[in-house]
Amino acid sequence: MNDKFFKLPLEKQQRIINAAYKVFSQNSYKKAPMSEIAEEGGISKALLFHYFGNKKGLYLYLWINAMEMTRKAVREYKTLETNDFFEMLKRSLLSKCSLMRDYPHMYAFSLRAYYETDSEIKNAIQDNYSDVSKASEKIVFEKMDTSWFRQDIDLKTIYDEIFYAIDGYMLKKYRSNIIVPNEIEQEIIVLIDFWKKVYTQEG
């Protein structure tokens, strides 16, 4: 990664990054053309390689950048400053939708990257995702008040089911090419309220 990239105007950086998220979200790692990223980003292919070294360097930068921006948004929306698990989910949703408005293809890229099978980047993505998800899960379980969940349901199972459901919902949205953050917020909040009724003693 060449630090000169960060000396570009922020608008140009964002245009290049969005172009890369878009192309990689629509193609496998191996089949994603760097020339298409360069063209959509408004720079030459030579400059793209100058900034990121190679395709692997760009791809891993995009992954780490997505993780870092997500963590920052989670903090900004005070996601973990509540012990209500379902309120955490809502704040997390709002933080991710805020990112979608500036980086509409980032979430789709992250989903595809998680399932990427190319040996050149698979292990790095999987290892990083495992570390991040375990750390996030640990914090959530330490923070949340478990006393008002139904006693006959395993909390880890609830946690896994909800996150698989949200990822499945988002995958369907991206495959339909209809990404409207406001609509996503409304629809997932309905699901969160439903899960709260099903899984808590109050429900």
Protein backbone atom coordinates (compact mmCIF):
# COMPACT_ATOMS: atom_id res chain seq x y z
CA MET A 1 0.00 0.00 0.00
CA ASN A 2 1.45 3.33 -1.11
CA ASP A 3 0.82 6.23 1.29
CA LYS A 4 0.48 8.54 -1.70
CA PHE A 5 -3.06 7.23 -2.09
CA PHE A 6 -4.03 9.00 1.14
CA LYS A 7 -2.69 12.30 -0.23
CA LEU A 8 -5.35 12.27 -2.95
CA PRO A 9 -8.46 14.42 -2.38
CA LEU A 10 -10.94 12.50 -0.21
CA GLU A 11 -13.56 12.56 -2.97
CA LYS A 12 -11.13 10.84 -5.36
CA GLN A 13 -10.13 8.27 -2.73
CA GLN A 14 -13.79 7.46 -2.14
CA ARG A 15 -14.48 7.15 -5.88
CA ILE A 16 -11.63 4.66 -6.30
CA ILE A 17 -12.62 2.66 -3.22
CA ASN A 18 -16.27 2.56 -4.27
CA ALA A 19 -15.26 1.38 -7.74
CA ALA A 20 -13.20 -1.42 -6.23
CA TYR A 21 -15.98 -2.47 -3.82
CA LYS A 22 -18.43 -2.55 -6.72
CA VAL A 23 -16.28 -4.63 -9.09
CA PHE A 24 -15.15 -7.09 -6.43
CA SER A 25 -18.70 -7.46 -5.13
CA GLN A 26 -19.88 -8.45 -8.60
CA ASN A 27 -17.04 -10.85 -9.46
CA SER A 28 -14.94 -13.52 -7.82
CA TYR A 29 -11.48 -12.40 -6.72
CA LYS A 30 -9.77 -14.06 -9.67
CA LYS A 31 -12.20 -12.76 -12.31
CA ALA A 32 -12.47 -9.17 -11.08
CA PRO A 33 -10.66 -6.99 -13.68
CA MET A 34 -8.32 -4.35 -12.31
CA SER A 35 -8.84 -2.45 -15.57
CA GLU A 36 -12.56 -2.14 -14.81
CA ILE A 37 -11.82 -0.83 -11.30
CA ALA A 38 -9.41 1.72 -12.73
CA GLU A 39 -11.86 2.87 -15.39
CA GLU A 40 -14.76 3.20 -12.96
CA GLY A 41 -12.50 4.92 -10.42
CA GLY A 42 -11.33 7.47 -12.98
CA ILE A 43 -7.62 6.61 -12.85
CA SER A 44 -5.19 4.65 -14.98
CA LYS A 45 -4.54 0.98 -14.32
CA ALA A 46 -0.87 1.83 -13.78
CA LEU A 47 -1.77 4.28 -11.01
CA LEU A 48 -4.06 1.72 -9.38
CA PHE A 49 -1.13 -0.70 -9.17
CA HIS A 50 1.12 2.13 -8.02
CA TYR A 51 -1.16 2.82 -5.07
CA PHE A 52 -1.96 -0.75 -4.06
CA GLY A 53 0.88 -2.86 -5.44
CA ASN A 54 -1.25 -5.66 -6.85
CA LYS A 55 -4.76 -7.10 -6.79
CA LYS A 56 -4.17 -8.88 -3.48
CA GLY A 57 -2.95 -5.65 -1.87
CA LEU A 58 -6.07 -3.80 -3.03
CA TYR A 59 -8.42 -6.60 -1.95
CA LEU A 60 -6.97 -6.93 1.54
CA TYR A 61 -6.97 -3.15 1.94
CA LEU A 62 -10.67 -3.09 1.04
CA TRP A 63 -11.39 -5.81 3.61
CA ILE A 64 -9.49 -4.11 6.44
CA ASN A 65 -10.96 -0.75 5.47
CA ALA A 66 -14.48 -2.21 5.66
CA MET A 67 -13.77 -3.65 9.12
CA GLU A 68 -12.31 -0.37 10.38
CA MET A 69 -15.13 1.78 9.02
CA THR A 70 -17.69 -0.59 10.51
CA ARG A 71 -16.02 -0.40 13.93
CA LYS A 72 -15.96 3.39 13.72
CA ALA A 73 -19.65 3.54 12.78
CA VAL A 74 -20.53 1.15 15.62
CA ARG A 75 -18.81 3.52 18.06
CA GLU A 76 -20.51 6.59 16.58
CA TYR A 77 -23.93 4.99 17.00
CA LYS A 78 -23.09 3.90 20.58
CA THR A 79 -24.05 0.35 19.69
CA LEU A 80 -22.47 -1.19 22.77
CA GLU A 81 -23.58 1.51 25.21
CA THR A 82 -26.73 -0.44 26.10
CA ASN A 83 -27.38 -3.82 27.69
CA ASP A 84 -30.49 -4.41 25.57
CA PHE A 85 -29.44 -6.91 22.88
CA PHE A 86 -32.23 -5.87 20.50
CA GLU A 87 -31.35 -2.20 20.89
CA MET A 88 -27.76 -3.16 20.04
CA LEU A 89 -29.07 -4.80 16.86
CA LYS A 90 -30.98 -1.66 15.89
CA ARG A 91 -28.00 0.63 16.50
CA SER A 92 -25.73 -1.74 14.59
CA LEU A 93 -28.21 -1.71 11.70
CA LEU A 94 -28.34 2.09 11.64
CA SER A 95 -24.53 2.28 11.67
CA LYS A 96 -24.24 -0.10 8.70
CA CYS A 97 -26.94 1.69 6.74
CA SER A 98 -25.09 4.96 7.29
CA LEU A 99 -22.06 3.37 5.61
CA MET A 100 -24.19 2.08 2.73
CA ARG A 101 -25.08 5.65 1.84
CA ASP A 102 -21.42 6.51 1.21
CA TYR A 103 -20.18 3.03 0.21
CA PRO A 104 -23.17 1.24 -1.36
CA HIS A 105 -21.22 -1.89 -2.35
CA MET A 106 -19.12 -2.37 0.79
CA TYR A 107 -21.49 -4.78 2.54
CA ALA A 108 -21.87 -6.87 -0.65
CA PHE A 109 -18.09 -6.97 -0.99
CA SER A 110 -17.74 -8.16 2.62
CA LEU A 111 -20.30 -10.94 2.08
CA ARG A 112 -18.57 -12.16 -1.08
CA ALA A 113 -15.12 -11.88 0.51
CA TYR A 114 -16.22 -14.06 3.43
CA TYR A 115 -17.11 -16.88 1.02
CA GLU A 116 -14.14 -16.33 -1.31
CA THR A 117 -12.29 -19.58 -2.06
CA ASP A 118 -9.19 -18.31 -3.88
CA SER A 119 -6.14 -19.54 -1.96
CA GLU A 120 -4.33 -16.22 -2.47
CA ILE A 121 -6.60 -14.36 -0.06
CA LYS A 122 -8.94 -16.92 1.56
CA ASN A 123 -6.89 -17.60 4.70
CA ALA A 124 -6.16 -13.95 5.43
CA ILE A 125 -9.87 -13.06 5.16
CA GLN A 126 -11.08 -16.04 7.19
CA ASP A 127 -8.50 -15.57 9.96
CA ASN A 128 -9.27 -11.87 10.31
CA TYR A 129 -13.03 -12.45 10.23
CA SER A 130 -12.76 -15.16 12.88
CA ASP A 131 -10.76 -12.89 15.20
CA VAL A 132 -13.12 -9.93 14.72
CA SER A 133 -16.34 -11.92 15.07
CA LYS A 134 -15.15 -13.74 18.21
CA ALA A 135 -14.10 -10.47 19.82
CA SER A 136 -17.41 -8.82 18.88
CA GLU A 137 -19.47 -11.74 20.17
CA LYS A 138 -17.54 -11.76 23.45
CA ILE A 139 -18.25 -8.06 24.01
CA VAL A 140 -21.94 -8.43 23.18
CA PHE A 141 -22.41 -11.31 25.61
CA GLU A 142 -20.55 -9.42 28.34
CA LYS A 143 -22.70 -6.33 27.84
CA MET A 144 -26.20 -7.66 27.31
CA ASP A 145 -28.74 -8.30 30.05
CA THR A 146 -29.74 -11.95 29.65
CA SER A 147 -32.29 -12.02 32.48
CA TRP A 148 -35.33 -11.29 30.34
CA PHE A 149 -34.67 -13.85 27.62
CA ARG A 150 -36.78 -16.99 27.61
CA GLN A 151 -35.04 -19.63 29.72
CA ASP A 152 -35.78 -22.48 27.30
CA ILE A 153 -33.72 -21.04 24.43
CA ASP A 154 -29.93 -21.09 24.03
CA LEU A 155 -28.60 -17.54 23.67
CA LYS A 156 -25.75 -18.53 21.36
CA THR A 157 -28.26 -20.16 19.01
CA ILE A 158 -30.37 -16.99 19.00
CA TYR A 159 -27.29 -14.88 18.28
CA ASP A 160 -26.18 -17.07 15.36
CA GLU A 161 -29.67 -17.37 13.88
CA ILE A 162 -30.25 -13.62 13.85
CA PHE A 163 -26.94 -12.78 12.21
CA TYR A 164 -27.34 -15.51 9.58
CA ALA A 165 -30.84 -14.19 8.87
CA ILE A 166 -29.63 -10.60 8.45
CA ASP A 167 -26.79 -11.67 6.15
CA GLY A 168 -29.26 -13.72 4.10
CA TYR A 169 -31.61 -10.75 3.87
CA MET A 170 -28.78 -8.49 2.69
CA LEU A 171 -27.56 -11.05 0.15
CA LYS A 172 -31.06 -11.20 -1.34
CA LYS A 173 -31.16 -7.39 -1.52
CA TYR A 174 -27.85 -7.19 -3.34
CA ARG A 175 -28.82 -9.92 -5.79
CA SER A 176 -31.95 -7.93 -6.64
CA ASN A 177 -29.81 -4.80 -7.19
CA ILE A 178 -32.20 -2.83 -5.00
CA ILE A 179 -30.29 -1.13 -2.21
CA VAL A 180 -32.31 1.54 -0.42
CA PRO A 181 -30.84 2.10 3.08
CA ASN A 182 -34.04 3.68 4.46
CA GLU A 183 -36.06 0.69 3.29
CA ILE A 184 -33.53 -1.76 4.72
CA GLU A 185 -33.66 0.02 8.08
CA GLN A 186 -37.45 -0.19 8.21
CA GLU A 187 -37.66 -3.84 7.18
CA ILE A 188 -34.95 -5.13 9.51
CA ILE A 189 -36.31 -3.15 12.47
CA VAL A 190 -39.61 -5.00 11.93
CA LEU A 191 -37.65 -8.27 12.11
CA ILE A 192 -35.79 -7.17 15.25
CA ASP A 193 -39.05 -6.30 16.98
CA PHE A 194 -40.42 -9.70 15.97
CA TRP A 195 -37.38 -11.51 17.38
CA LYS A 196 -37.73 -9.58 20.62
CA LYS A 197 -41.33 -10.78 20.99
CA VAL A 198 -40.38 -14.38 20.22
CA TYR A 199 -37.26 -14.70 22.37
CA THR A 200 -37.93 -12.63 25.47
CA GLN A 201 -40.16 -13.19 28.44
CA GLU A 202 -41.79 -9.83 27.77
CA GLY A 203 -42.84 -11.07 24.33
